[in-house]
């Protein structure tokens, strides 16, 4: 079960177990809570069950609701605390939704490690609420992009949930010396691997698995995670990876995104990585049915139409060059702020 550290604070207030449960119950009963998901999470953490329920985002297949053992959450929190040297009394801030694992774990880490946690209403633009220095924070890339000028207030920043573009990475490093990108999923109680991004990094694509985590690949080159302190079963992901060493790997793309065009298997994420330096707008590589090719490669850009310089395609192979470019005003996003590739593609059909 989850025990509250004596140094734990929530929004500047000390709570023991009984006080925290009372706080959550009263908020829900009086219908005054601005964040009912926070209150519900508190009550779930301290109920008599050995697990909590979490919604997955689709890293290992279709989104679903799974059970995570509370001891796994504690183990994950301790693993993060050790890696980032999070100590009792350190301040932390979260703008993440409490109905997904990243937000849930910010609260669990604070309880277990004794952090002074400030929780704000989830928003894609938390900039106005960052008005003092914090030791630790977890954000989505979108939140970081909308808070560039305030990132200097955060000593240790981790980003997860979706890939950080080359352009966003440069914007962040124009304000701070370093930050961390994380790899993980609901099934592993957030991140199981981390890469530090600094101004002088030579290899920014390589993740390092955290202590107690073993990695391998299956016949499709998809990452297989063995983390017995987090989950009793090995987890087979949909992420195609290249294993660099016993605990280092690079992500190539997702097996469910592969496009077969004229018999050539193309990985959208690999092409997107090559184009990311040249396109400042959000964009994706996708495909449309084609009588000759089976599927023809297309580029979709979230923007009003503008003239593209063909030089942006010079680093692509002839098979990777999009056959058509589409511009749309707004992509469709998932609840965790990832681009919904399927629904976005539907808007141009």
C-alpha atoms as a PDB file:
ATOM      1  CA  UNK A   1       0.000   0.000   0.000  1.00  0.00           C
ATOM      2  CA  UNK A   2       0.999   3.621  -0.488  1.00  0.00           C
ATOM      3  CA  UNK A   3       2.289   5.403   2.615  1.00  0.00           C
ATOM      4  CA  UNK A   4       2.474   9.182   2.850  1.00  0.00           C
ATOM      5  CA  UNK A   5       5.915  10.618   3.611  1.00  0.00           C
ATOM      6  CA  UNK A   6       5.964  13.075   6.509  1.00  0.00           C
ATOM      7  CA  UNK A   7       7.308  15.852   4.233  1.00  0.00           C
ATOM      8  CA  UNK A   8       4.543  15.497   1.656  1.00  0.00           C
ATOM      9  CA  UNK A   9       2.625  18.672   0.834  1.00  0.00           C
ATOM     10  CA  UNK A  10      -0.222  19.239  -1.596  1.00  0.00           C
ATOM     11  CA  UNK A  11      -0.715  22.840  -2.697  1.00  0.00           C
ATOM     12  CA  UNK A  12       1.355  24.028   0.301  1.00  0.00           C
ATOM     13  CA  UNK A  13      -0.635  22.006   2.867  1.00  0.00           C
ATOM     14  CA  UNK A  14       0.557  19.029   4.913  1.00  0.00           C
ATOM     15  CA  UNK A  15      -1.729  15.992   4.911  1.00  0.00           C
ATOM     16  CA  UNK A  16      -1.688  12.593   6.536  1.00  0.00           C
ATOM     17  CA  UNK A  17      -3.779   9.764   5.125  1.00  0.00           C
ATOM     18  CA  UNK A  18      -6.935  10.564   7.076  1.00  0.00           C
ATOM     19  CA  UNK A  19      -6.745  14.272   6.264  1.00  0.00           C
ATOM     20  CA  UNK A  20      -6.171  13.638   2.576  1.00  0.00           C
ATOM     21  CA  UNK A  21      -9.114  11.221   2.327  1.00  0.00           C
ATOM     22  CA  UNK A  22     -11.301  13.724   4.164  1.00  0.00           C
ATOM     23  CA  UNK A  23     -10.164  16.501   1.825  1.00  0.00           C
ATOM     24  CA  UNK A  24     -11.081  14.438  -1.244  1.00  0.00           C
ATOM     25  CA  UNK A  25     -14.414  13.220   0.178  1.00  0.00           C
ATOM     26  CA  UNK A  26     -15.510  16.706   1.175  1.00  0.00           C
ATOM     27  CA  UNK A  27     -14.601  18.154  -2.211  1.00  0.00           C
ATOM     28  CA  UNK A  28     -16.692  15.573  -4.022  1.00  0.00           C
ATOM     29  CA  UNK A  29     -19.595  15.707  -1.557  1.00  0.00           C
ATOM     30  CA  UNK A  30     -19.818  19.487  -1.732  1.00  0.00           C
ATOM     31  CA  UNK A  31     -19.284  19.496  -5.493  1.00  0.00           C
ATOM     32  CA  UNK A  32     -16.770  22.323  -5.087  1.00  0.00           C
ATOM     33  CA  UNK A  33     -13.688  20.593  -6.411  1.00  0.00           C
ATOM     34  CA  UNK A  34     -12.216  22.201  -9.498  1.00  0.00           C
ATOM     35  CA  UNK A  35     -10.386  18.927 -10.122  1.00  0.00           C
ATOM     36  CA  UNK A  36     -12.688  15.988  -9.350  1.00  0.00           C
ATOM     37  CA  UNK A  37     -10.199  13.572 -10.951  1.00  0.00           C
ATOM     38  CA  UNK A  38      -7.691  14.482  -8.224  1.00  0.00           C
ATOM     39  CA  UNK A  39     -10.201  13.744  -5.469  1.00  0.00           C
ATOM     40  CA  UNK A  40     -11.254  10.482  -7.111  1.00  0.00           C
ATOM     41  CA  UNK A  41      -7.616   9.431  -7.449  1.00  0.00           C
ATOM     42  CA  UNK A  42      -6.933  10.109  -3.767  1.00  0.00           C
ATOM     43  CA  UNK A  43      -9.895   7.977  -2.746  1.00  0.00           C
ATOM     44  CA  UNK A  44      -8.844   5.187  -5.111  1.00  0.00           C
ATOM     45  CA  UNK A  45      -5.288   5.198  -3.773  1.00  0.00           C
ATOM     46  CA  UNK A  46      -6.535   4.695  -0.215  1.00  0.00           C
ATOM     47  CA  UNK A  47      -9.395   2.262  -0.791  1.00  0.00           C
ATOM     48  CA  UNK A  48      -9.077  -1.403   0.202  1.00  0.00           C
ATOM     49  CA  UNK A  49      -8.096  -2.665  -3.254  1.00  0.00           C
ATOM     50  CA  UNK A  50      -4.473  -3.517  -4.059  1.00  0.00           C
ATOM     51  CA  UNK A  51      -4.687  -1.822  -7.466  1.00  0.00           C
ATOM     52  CA  UNK A  52      -5.886   1.286  -9.265  1.00  0.00           C
ATOM     53  CA  UNK A  53      -7.527   1.426 -12.700  1.00  0.00           C
ATOM     54  CA  UNK A  54      -5.848   3.324 -15.527  1.00  0.00           C
ATOM     55  CA  UNK A  55      -6.638   4.101 -19.144  1.00  0.00           C
ATOM     56  CA  UNK A  56      -3.923   3.152 -21.620  1.00  0.00           C
ATOM     57  CA  UNK A  57      -3.044   5.398 -24.558  1.00  0.00           C
ATOM     58  CA  UNK A  58      -2.350   2.653 -27.097  1.00  0.00           C
ATOM     59  CA  UNK A  59       1.386   1.909 -26.804  1.00  0.00           C
ATOM     60  CA  UNK A  60       0.724  -1.830 -26.699  1.00  0.00           C
ATOM     61  CA  UNK A  61      -2.472  -1.967 -28.739  1.00  0.00           C
ATOM     62  CA  UNK A  62      -5.953  -0.478 -28.634  1.00  0.00           C
ATOM     63  CA  UNK A  63      -6.624   1.847 -25.658  1.00  0.00           C
ATOM     64  CA  UNK A  64      -8.175   0.026 -22.719  1.00  0.00           C
ATOM     65  CA  UNK A  65      -8.590   0.141 -18.962  1.00  0.00           C
ATOM     66  CA  UNK A  66      -6.044  -1.889 -16.993  1.00  0.00           C
ATOM     67  CA  UNK A  67      -5.232  -2.516 -13.341  1.00  0.00           C
ATOM     68  CA  UNK A  68      -1.933  -1.377 -11.857  1.00  0.00           C
ATOM     69  CA  UNK A  69      -0.801  -2.736  -8.516  1.00  0.00           C
ATOM     70  CA  UNK A  70      -0.286   0.025  -5.969  1.00  0.00           C
ATOM     71  CA  UNK A  71       3.085  -1.458  -5.058  1.00  0.00           C
ATOM     72  CA  UNK A  72       4.117  -1.006  -8.707  1.00  0.00           C
ATOM     73  CA  UNK A  73       3.298   2.691  -8.413  1.00  0.00           C
ATOM     74  CA  UNK A  74       5.456   2.930  -5.299  1.00  0.00           C
ATOM     75  CA  UNK A  75       8.317   1.124  -7.055  1.00  0.00           C
ATOM     76  CA  UNK A  76       8.035   3.419 -10.061  1.00  0.00           C
ATOM     77  CA  UNK A  77       8.064   6.506  -7.844  1.00  0.00           C
ATOM     78  CA  UNK A  78      11.193   5.290  -6.042  1.00  0.00           C
ATOM     79  CA  UNK A  79      12.894   4.521  -9.362  1.00  0.00           C
ATOM     80  CA  UNK A  80      12.196   8.050 -10.594  1.00  0.00           C
ATOM     81  CA  UNK A  81      13.277   9.563  -7.295  1.00  0.00           C
ATOM     82  CA  UNK A  82      16.601   7.757  -7.407  1.00  0.00           C
ATOM     83  CA  UNK A  83      17.340   8.661 -11.032  1.00  0.00           C
ATOM     84  CA  UNK A  84      16.514  12.367 -10.671  1.00  0.00           C
ATOM     85  CA  UNK A  85      17.727  12.683  -7.060  1.00  0.00           C
ATOM     86  CA  UNK A  86      14.335  13.831  -5.803  1.00  0.00           C
ATOM     87  CA  UNK A  87      14.603  14.433  -2.062  1.00  0.00           C
ATOM     88  CA  UNK A  88      12.051  15.129   0.696  1.00  0.00           C
ATOM     89  CA  UNK A  89      10.993  18.769   0.576  1.00  0.00           C
ATOM     90  CA  UNK A  90      11.820  19.277  -3.096  1.00  0.00           C
ATOM     91  CA  UNK A  91       9.144  21.320  -4.850  1.00  0.00           C
ATOM     92  CA  UNK A  92       7.231  19.972  -7.847  1.00  0.00           C
ATOM     93  CA  UNK A  93       4.460  21.247 -10.093  1.00  0.00           C
ATOM     94  CA  UNK A  94       1.963  19.422 -12.306  1.00  0.00           C
ATOM     95  CA  UNK A  95      -0.543  20.496 -14.945  1.00  0.00           C
ATOM     96  CA  UNK A  96      -1.228  16.945 -16.123  1.00  0.00           C
ATOM     97  CA  UNK A  97      -4.700  15.345 -16.112  1.00  0.00           C
ATOM     98  CA  UNK A  98      -5.247  13.013 -13.183  1.00  0.00           C
ATOM     99  CA  UNK A  99      -7.197  10.446 -15.192  1.00  0.00           C
ATOM    100  CA  UNK A 100      -4.031   9.343 -17.025  1.00  0.00           C
ATOM    101  CA  UNK A 101      -0.940   7.699 -15.609  1.00  0.00           C
ATOM    102  CA  UNK A 102       1.451  10.656 -15.972  1.00  0.00           C
ATOM    103  CA  UNK A 103      -0.740  12.848 -13.774  1.00  0.00           C
ATOM    104  CA  UNK A 104      -1.458  10.042 -11.322  1.00  0.00           C
ATOM    105  CA  UNK A 105       2.259   9.382 -10.849  1.00  0.00           C
ATOM    106  CA  UNK A 106       3.043  13.015 -10.058  1.00  0.00           C
ATOM    107  CA  UNK A 107       0.804  12.673  -6.999  1.00  0.00           C
ATOM    108  CA  UNK A 108       2.156   9.229  -6.064  1.00  0.00           C
ATOM    109  CA  UNK A 109       5.770  10.436  -6.331  1.00  0.00           C
ATOM    110  CA  UNK A 110       5.000  13.375  -4.073  1.00  0.00           C
ATOM    111  CA  UNK A 111       3.356  11.125  -1.472  1.00  0.00           C
ATOM    112  CA  UNK A 112       6.082   8.476  -1.507  1.00  0.00           C
ATOM    113  CA  UNK A 113       9.117  10.770  -1.776  1.00  0.00           C
ATOM    114  CA  UNK A 114       7.864  13.626   0.391  1.00  0.00           C
ATOM    115  CA  UNK A 115       7.687  16.297  -2.307  1.00  0.00           C
ATOM    116  CA  UNK A 116       5.992  19.683  -1.969  1.00  0.00           C
ATOM    117  CA  UNK A 117       3.598  19.332  -4.910  1.00  0.00           C
ATOM    118  CA  UNK A 118       1.537  22.086  -6.503  1.00  0.00           C
ATOM    119  CA  UNK A 119      -1.252  20.774  -8.742  1.00  0.00           C
ATOM    120  CA  UNK A 120      -3.054  23.062 -11.162  1.00  0.00           C
ATOM    121  CA  UNK A 121      -6.024  22.482 -13.439  1.00  0.00           C
ATOM    122  CA  UNK A 122      -4.795  20.613 -16.541  1.00  0.00           C
ATOM    123  CA  UNK A 123      -4.129  22.987 -19.423  1.00  0.00           C
ATOM    124  CA  UNK A 124      -2.172  23.014 -22.678  1.00  0.00           C
ATOM    125  CA  UNK A 125      -0.788  26.437 -21.728  1.00  0.00           C
ATOM    126  CA  UNK A 126       0.441  26.492 -18.113  1.00  0.00           C
ATOM    127  CA  UNK A 127       2.728  29.475 -18.616  1.00  0.00           C
ATOM    128  CA  UNK A 128       0.683  31.959 -16.565  1.00  0.00           C
ATOM    129  CA  UNK A 129       0.675  29.644 -13.538  1.00  0.00           C
ATOM    130  CA  UNK A 130       4.449  29.216 -13.340  1.00  0.00           C
ATOM    131  CA  UNK A 131       5.404  32.179 -11.183  1.00  0.00           C
ATOM    132  CA  UNK A 132       8.126  30.727  -8.952  1.00  0.00           C
ATOM    133  CA  UNK A 133      10.957  28.205  -9.079  1.00  0.00           C
ATOM    134  CA  UNK A 134      10.246  24.475  -8.859  1.00  0.00           C
ATOM    135  CA  UNK A 135      12.719  21.630  -8.573  1.00  0.00           C
ATOM    136  CA  UNK A 136      10.779  19.115 -10.681  1.00  0.00           C
ATOM    137  CA  UNK A 137       8.010  19.015 -13.257  1.00  0.00           C
ATOM    138  CA  UNK A 138       6.640  16.682 -15.909  1.00  0.00           C
ATOM    139  CA  UNK A 139       5.018  18.179 -18.999  1.00  0.00           C
ATOM    140  CA  UNK A 140       3.810  17.221 -22.439  1.00  0.00           C
ATOM    141  CA  UNK A 141       5.742  18.685 -25.381  1.00  0.00           C
ATOM    142  CA  UNK A 142       2.740  20.911 -26.145  1.00  0.00           C
ATOM    143  CA  UNK A 143       2.776  22.345 -22.623  1.00  0.00           C
ATOM    144  CA  UNK A 144       6.507  23.004 -22.850  1.00  0.00           C
ATOM    145  CA  UNK A 145       6.093  24.684 -26.230  1.00  0.00           C
ATOM    146  CA  UNK A 146       3.483  27.021 -24.755  1.00  0.00           C
ATOM    147  CA  UNK A 147       5.659  27.811 -21.725  1.00  0.00           C
ATOM    148  CA  UNK A 148       9.073  28.376 -23.301  1.00  0.00           C
ATOM    149  CA  UNK A 149       9.809  31.602 -21.438  1.00  0.00           C
ATOM    150  CA  UNK A 150       8.954  29.998 -18.077  1.00  0.00           C
ATOM    151  CA  UNK A 151      10.992  26.797 -18.383  1.00  0.00           C
ATOM    152  CA  UNK A 152      13.923  28.489 -16.643  1.00  0.00           C
ATOM    153  CA  UNK A 153      11.864  28.308 -13.436  1.00  0.00           C
ATOM    154  CA  UNK A 154      12.076  24.494 -13.455  1.00  0.00           C
ATOM    155  CA  UNK A 155      15.314  22.854 -12.337  1.00  0.00           C
ATOM    156  CA  UNK A 156      14.554  19.328 -13.614  1.00  0.00           C
ATOM    157  CA  UNK A 157      12.080  19.084 -16.489  1.00  0.00           C
ATOM    158  CA  UNK A 158      10.901  15.814 -18.009  1.00  0.00           C
ATOM    159  CA  UNK A 159       8.821  15.613 -21.186  1.00  0.00           C
ATOM    160  CA  UNK A 160       6.759  12.618 -22.252  1.00  0.00           C
ATOM    161  CA  UNK A 161       3.602  11.504 -23.977  1.00  0.00           C
ATOM    162  CA  UNK A 162       4.723  12.263 -27.527  1.00  0.00           C
ATOM    163  CA  UNK A 163       7.877  12.928 -29.500  1.00  0.00           C
ATOM    164  CA  UNK A 164       9.702  16.239 -29.115  1.00  0.00           C
ATOM    165  CA  UNK A 165      10.304  17.795 -32.531  1.00  0.00           C
ATOM    166  CA  UNK A 166      13.710  19.107 -33.596  1.00  0.00           C
ATOM    167  CA  UNK A 167      12.360  22.653 -33.673  1.00  0.00           C
ATOM    168  CA  UNK A 168      10.825  22.421 -30.196  1.00  0.00           C
ATOM    169  CA  UNK A 169      14.024  20.882 -28.856  1.00  0.00           C
ATOM    170  CA  UNK A 170      15.962  23.905 -30.136  1.00  0.00           C
ATOM    171  CA  UNK A 171      13.460  26.331 -28.625  1.00  0.00           C
ATOM    172  CA  UNK A 172      13.719  24.651 -25.226  1.00  0.00           C
ATOM    173  CA  UNK A 173      17.520  24.614 -25.260  1.00  0.00           C
ATOM    174  CA  UNK A 174      17.551  28.306 -26.105  1.00  0.00           C
ATOM    175  CA  UNK A 175      16.096  28.876 -22.629  1.00  0.00           C
ATOM    176  CA  UNK A 176      17.589  26.118 -20.458  1.00  0.00           C
ATOM    177  CA  UNK A 177      20.786  24.054 -20.569  1.00  0.00           C
ATOM    178  CA  UNK A 178      19.162  20.633 -20.464  1.00  0.00           C
ATOM    179  CA  UNK A 179      15.988  18.644 -19.952  1.00  0.00           C
ATOM    180  CA  UNK A 180      14.914  14.987 -20.134  1.00  0.00           C
ATOM    181  CA  UNK A 181      12.762  13.085 -22.599  1.00  0.00           C
ATOM    182  CA  UNK A 182      11.129   9.960 -21.227  1.00  0.00           C
ATOM    183  CA  UNK A 183       9.827   6.701 -22.633  1.00  0.00           C
ATOM    184  CA  UNK A 184       7.083   4.745 -20.949  1.00  0.00           C
ATOM    185  CA  UNK A 185       3.417   3.892 -20.894  1.00  0.00           C
ATOM    186  CA  UNK A 186       0.513   3.196 -18.608  1.00  0.00           C
ATOM    187  CA  UNK A 187       1.402  -0.488 -18.421  1.00  0.00           C
ATOM    188  CA  UNK A 188       4.787   0.363 -16.867  1.00  0.00           C
ATOM    189  CA  UNK A 189       3.453   3.105 -14.539  1.00  0.00           C
ATOM    190  CA  UNK A 190       5.062   5.826 -16.706  1.00  0.00           C
ATOM    191  CA  UNK A 191       8.677   5.993 -17.825  1.00  0.00           C
ATOM    192  CA  UNK A 192      11.085   3.083 -17.867  1.00  0.00           C
ATOM    193  CA  UNK A 193      13.746   4.868 -19.932  1.00  0.00           C
ATOM    194  CA  UNK A 194      15.179   8.384 -20.100  1.00  0.00           C
ATOM    195  CA  UNK A 195      17.450  10.436 -22.314  1.00  0.00           C
ATOM    196  CA  UNK A 196      19.050  13.695 -21.217  1.00  0.00           C
ATOM    197  CA  UNK A 197      18.996  16.406 -23.869  1.00  0.00           C
ATOM    198  CA  UNK A 198      21.707  19.056 -23.605  1.00  0.00           C
ATOM    199  CA  UNK A 199      23.051  21.676 -25.975  1.00  0.00           C
ATOM    200  CA  UNK A 200      26.154  19.621 -26.795  1.00  0.00           C
ATOM    201  CA  UNK A 201      24.490  16.211 -27.173  1.00  0.00           C
ATOM    202  CA  UNK A 202      25.822  14.111 -30.042  1.00  0.00           C
ATOM    203  CA  UNK A 203      23.210  11.337 -29.941  1.00  0.00           C
ATOM    204  CA  UNK A 204      19.818  12.709 -28.978  1.00  0.00           C
ATOM    205  CA  UNK A 205      17.868   9.632 -30.062  1.00  0.00           C
ATOM    206  CA  UNK A 206      19.188   7.113 -27.546  1.00  0.00           C
ATOM    207  CA  UNK A 207      17.148   6.165 -24.471  1.00  0.00           C
ATOM    208  CA  UNK A 208      18.696   4.479 -21.445  1.00  0.00           C
ATOM    209  CA  UNK A 209      16.588   1.974 -19.524  1.00  0.00           C
ATOM    210  CA  UNK A 210      16.340   2.674 -15.807  1.00  0.00           C
ATOM    211  CA  UNK A 211      17.612   0.356 -13.093  1.00  0.00           C
ATOM    212  CA  UNK A 212      15.741  -2.938 -12.901  1.00  0.00           C
ATOM    213  CA  UNK A 213      14.470  -2.732 -16.482  1.00  0.00           C
ATOM    214  CA  UNK A 214      15.639  -5.198 -19.154  1.00  0.00           C
ATOM    215  CA  UNK A 215      14.994  -4.652 -22.856  1.00  0.00           C
ATOM    216  CA  UNK A 216      14.894  -6.866 -25.950  1.00  0.00           C
ATOM    217  CA  UNK A 217      13.007  -7.100 -29.248  1.00  0.00           C
ATOM    218  CA  UNK A 218      10.613  -9.596 -30.797  1.00  0.00           C
ATOM    219  CA  UNK A 219      10.633 -10.924 -34.375  1.00  0.00           C
ATOM    220  CA  UNK A 220       9.149  -7.636 -35.615  1.00  0.00           C
ATOM    221  CA  UNK A 221      11.890  -5.595 -33.917  1.00  0.00           C
ATOM    222  CA  UNK A 222       9.351  -4.221 -31.450  1.00  0.00           C
ATOM    223  CA  UNK A 223      10.558  -3.358 -27.976  1.00  0.00           C
ATOM    224  CA  UNK A 224       9.937  -5.935 -25.252  1.00  0.00           C
ATOM    225  CA  UNK A 225      10.152  -4.655 -21.673  1.00  0.00           C
ATOM    226  CA  UNK A 226      10.918  -6.848 -18.667  1.00  0.00           C
ATOM    227  CA  UNK A 227      10.408  -4.908 -15.429  1.00  0.00           C
ATOM    228  CA  UNK A 228       9.315  -7.365 -12.713  1.00  0.00           C
ATOM    229  CA  UNK A 229       9.155  -4.632 -10.050  1.00  0.00           C
ATOM    230  CA  UNK A 230       6.521  -2.849 -12.167  1.00  0.00           C
ATOM    231  CA  UNK A 231       4.613  -5.674 -13.853  1.00  0.00           C
ATOM    232  CA  UNK A 232       4.838  -9.457 -13.575  1.00  0.00           C
ATOM    233  CA  UNK A 233       4.478 -10.012 -17.323  1.00  0.00           C
ATOM    234  CA  UNK A 234       6.812  -8.866 -20.068  1.00  0.00           C
ATOM    235  CA  UNK A 235       5.335  -6.044 -22.124  1.00  0.00           C
ATOM    236  CA  UNK A 236       5.479  -6.211 -25.910  1.00  0.00           C
ATOM    237  CA  UNK A 237       5.110  -2.715 -27.367  1.00  0.00           C
ATOM    238  CA  UNK A 238       4.231  -1.557 -30.876  1.00  0.00           C
ATOM    239  CA  UNK A 239       7.409   0.526 -31.027  1.00  0.00           C
ATOM    240  CA  UNK A 240      10.036  -0.548 -33.538  1.00  0.00           C
ATOM    241  CA  UNK A 241      13.439   0.037 -31.963  1.00  0.00           C
ATOM    242  CA  UNK A 242      17.141  -0.419 -32.515  1.00  0.00           C
ATOM    243  CA  UNK A 243      18.912  -1.920 -29.499  1.00  0.00           C
ATOM    244  CA  UNK A 244      22.234  -0.089 -29.064  1.00  0.00           C
ATOM    245  CA  UNK A 245      23.499  -1.940 -25.978  1.00  0.00           C
ATOM    246  CA  UNK A 246      22.161  -3.966 -23.071  1.00  0.00           C
ATOM    247  CA  UNK A 247      20.155  -0.992 -21.776  1.00  0.00           C
ATOM    248  CA  UNK A 248      20.177   1.581 -24.612  1.00  0.00           C
ATOM    249  CA  UNK A 249      17.776   1.814 -27.533  1.00  0.00           C
ATOM    250  CA  UNK A 250      16.524   4.197 -30.208  1.00  0.00           C
ATOM    251  CA  UNK A 251      12.926   4.396 -31.407  1.00  0.00           C
ATOM    252  CA  UNK A 252      12.456   4.016 -35.161  1.00  0.00           C
ATOM    253  CA  UNK A 253       8.651   4.138 -35.387  1.00  0.00           C
ATOM    254  CA  UNK A 254       5.456   2.212 -34.680  1.00  0.00           C
ATOM    255  CA  UNK A 255       4.634  -1.047 -36.374  1.00  0.00           C
ATOM    256  CA  UNK A 256       0.965  -0.066 -36.716  1.00  0.00           C
ATOM    257  CA  UNK A 257       1.937   3.056 -38.688  1.00  0.00           C
ATOM    258  CA  UNK A 258       4.018   1.282 -41.351  1.00  0.00           C
ATOM    259  CA  UNK A 259       2.957   2.131 -44.916  1.00  0.00           C
ATOM    260  CA  UNK A 260       3.327  -0.412 -47.720  1.00  0.00           C
ATOM    261  CA  UNK A 261       3.734   1.542 -50.964  1.00  0.00           C
ATOM    262  CA  UNK A 262       4.434  -0.464 -54.120  1.00  0.00           C
ATOM    263  CA  UNK A 263       5.839  -3.261 -51.966  1.00  0.00           C
ATOM    264  CA  UNK A 264       8.201  -0.931 -50.068  1.00  0.00           C
ATOM    265  CA  UNK A 265       7.631  -0.714 -46.312  1.00  0.00           C
ATOM    266  CA  UNK A 266       7.982   2.881 -45.136  1.00  0.00           C
ATOM    267  CA  UNK A 267       8.080   4.102 -41.540  1.00  0.00           C
ATOM    268  CA  UNK A 268       6.340   7.499 -41.206  1.00  0.00           C
ATOM    269  CA  UNK A 269       8.240   8.495 -38.063  1.00  0.00           C
ATOM    270  CA  UNK A 270      11.578   7.915 -39.777  1.00  0.00           C
ATOM    271  CA  UNK A 271      10.582  10.210 -42.641  1.00  0.00           C
ATOM    272  CA  UNK A 272       9.138  12.771 -40.237  1.00  0.00           C
ATOM    273  CA  UNK A 273      12.432  12.862 -38.371  1.00  0.00           C
ATOM    274  CA  UNK A 274      14.265  13.723 -41.584  1.00  0.00           C
ATOM    275  CA  UNK A 275      11.799  16.520 -42.360  1.00  0.00           C
ATOM    276  CA  UNK A 276      11.526  17.925 -38.837  1.00  0.00           C
ATOM    277  CA  UNK A 277      14.396  20.384 -39.332  1.00  0.00           C
ATOM    278  CA  UNK A 278      12.695  21.959 -42.340  1.00  0.00           C
ATOM    279  CA  UNK A 279       9.010  22.167 -41.358  1.00  0.00           C
ATOM    280  CA  UNK A 280       8.146  24.429 -38.431  1.00  0.00           C
ATOM    281  CA  UNK A 281       4.447  23.492 -38.337  1.00  0.00           C
ATOM    282  CA  UNK A 282       2.962  20.286 -36.948  1.00  0.00           C
ATOM    283  CA  UNK A 283       2.913  17.648 -39.677  1.00  0.00           C
ATOM    284  CA  UNK A 284       2.582  13.923 -40.291  1.00  0.00           C
ATOM    285  CA  UNK A 285       3.411  11.451 -43.018  1.00  0.00           C
ATOM    286  CA  UNK A 286       0.425   9.330 -43.967  1.00  0.00           C
ATOM    287  CA  UNK A 287      -1.015   7.542 -47.011  1.00  0.00           C
ATOM    288  CA  UNK A 288      -4.026   7.304 -49.270  1.00  0.00           C
ATOM    289  CA  UNK A 289      -5.249   4.369 -51.344  1.00  0.00           C
ATOM    290  CA  UNK A 290      -3.824   4.349 -54.864  1.00  0.00           C
ATOM    291  CA  UNK A 291      -4.594   2.040 -57.792  1.00  0.00           C
ATOM    292  CA  UNK A 292      -0.980   1.853 -58.925  1.00  0.00           C
ATOM    293  CA  UNK A 293       0.957   1.930 -55.635  1.00  0.00           C
ATOM    294  CA  UNK A 294      -1.600   0.365 -53.339  1.00  0.00           C
ATOM    295  CA  UNK A 295      -0.876   3.209 -50.888  1.00  0.00           C
ATOM    296  CA  UNK A 296       0.671   6.518 -51.885  1.00  0.00           C
ATOM    297  CA  UNK A 297       2.712   8.497 -49.404  1.00  0.00           C
ATOM    298  CA  UNK A 298       1.379  11.945 -48.472  1.00  0.00           C
ATOM    299  CA  UNK A 299       2.464  14.830 -46.258  1.00  0.00           C
ATOM    300  CA  UNK A 300      -0.164  16.597 -44.132  1.00  0.00           C
ATOM    301  CA  UNK A 301       0.727  19.970 -42.573  1.00  0.00           C
ATOM    302  CA  UNK A 302      -1.266  21.766 -39.889  1.00  0.00           C
ATOM    303  CA  UNK A 303      -1.259  25.206 -41.492  1.00  0.00           C
ATOM    304  CA  UNK A 304      -2.781  27.475 -44.052  1.00  0.00           C
ATOM    305  CA  UNK A 305      -1.461  26.624 -47.490  1.00  0.00           C
ATOM    306  CA  UNK A 306       1.992  27.944 -48.345  1.00  0.00           C
ATOM    307  CA  UNK A 307       4.632  27.158 -50.965  1.00  0.00           C
ATOM    308  CA  UNK A 308       7.033  24.412 -49.966  1.00  0.00           C
ATOM    309  CA  UNK A 309      10.638  24.465 -51.123  1.00  0.00           C
ATOM    310  CA  UNK A 310      11.396  21.102 -52.722  1.00  0.00           C
ATOM    311  CA  UNK A 311      14.842  21.204 -51.103  1.00  0.00           C
ATOM    312  CA  UNK A 312      13.212  19.970 -47.870  1.00  0.00           C
ATOM    313  CA  UNK A 313      12.958  16.546 -49.504  1.00  0.00           C
ATOM    314  CA  UNK A 314      16.644  16.288 -50.466  1.00  0.00           C
ATOM    315  CA  UNK A 315      17.527  13.917 -47.622  1.00  0.00           C
ATOM    316  CA  UNK A 316      14.724  11.492 -48.424  1.00  0.00           C
ATOM    317  CA  UNK A 317      15.063   8.425 -50.610  1.00  0.00           C
ATOM    318  CA  UNK A 318      12.963   8.387 -53.775  1.00  0.00           C
ATOM    319  CA  UNK A 319      10.444   6.111 -52.059  1.00  0.00           C
ATOM    320  CA  UNK A 320      10.149   8.453 -49.048  1.00  0.00           C
ATOM    321  CA  UNK A 321       9.238  11.582 -51.023  1.00  0.00           C
ATOM    322  CA  UNK A 322       5.505  12.340 -50.544  1.00  0.00           C
ATOM    323  CA  UNK A 323       3.424  12.098 -53.718  1.00  0.00           C
ATOM    324  CA  UNK A 324       1.084  14.843 -52.496  1.00  0.00           C
ATOM    325  CA  UNK A 325       0.997  17.566 -49.824  1.00  0.00           C
ATOM    326  CA  UNK A 326      -2.155  18.587 -47.935  1.00  0.00           C
ATOM    327  CA  UNK A 327      -2.704  21.564 -45.650  1.00  0.00           C
ATOM    328  CA  UNK A 328      -5.421  21.540 -42.988  1.00  0.00           C
ATOM    329  CA  UNK A 329      -6.221  24.195 -40.395  1.00  0.00           C
ATOM    330  CA  UNK A 330      -6.375  21.895 -37.381  1.00  0.00           C
ATOM    331  CA  UNK A 331      -5.245  18.343 -36.678  1.00  0.00           C
ATOM    332  CA  UNK A 332      -7.306  16.011 -34.524  1.00  0.00           C
ATOM    333  CA  UNK A 333      -5.626  15.256 -31.191  1.00  0.00           C
ATOM    334  CA  UNK A 334      -6.104  12.526 -28.603  1.00  0.00           C
ATOM    335  CA  UNK A 335      -6.983  13.280 -24.977  1.00  0.00           C
ATOM    336  CA  UNK A 336      -3.265  13.071 -24.181  1.00  0.00           C
ATOM    337  CA  UNK A 337      -2.398  15.666 -26.864  1.00  0.00           C
ATOM    338  CA  UNK A 338      -0.943  13.219 -29.372  1.00  0.00           C
ATOM    339  CA  UNK A 339      -1.824  13.714 -33.029  1.00  0.00           C
ATOM    340  CA  UNK A 340      -4.595  11.279 -33.943  1.00  0.00           C
ATOM    341  CA  UNK A 341      -3.257  10.082 -37.279  1.00  0.00           C
ATOM    342  CA  UNK A 342      -6.356   8.157 -38.305  1.00  0.00           C
ATOM    343  CA  UNK A 343      -8.869  10.925 -37.604  1.00  0.00           C
ATOM    344  CA  UNK A 344      -6.589  13.586 -39.040  1.00  0.00           C
ATOM    345  CA  UNK A 345      -6.309  11.604 -42.270  1.00  0.00           C
ATOM    346  CA  UNK A 346     -10.101  11.273 -42.397  1.00  0.00           C
ATOM    347  CA  UNK A 347     -10.444  15.062 -42.604  1.00  0.00           C
ATOM    348  CA  UNK A 348      -8.853  15.152 -46.061  1.00  0.00           C
ATOM    349  CA  UNK A 349     -10.754  12.196 -47.523  1.00  0.00           C
END
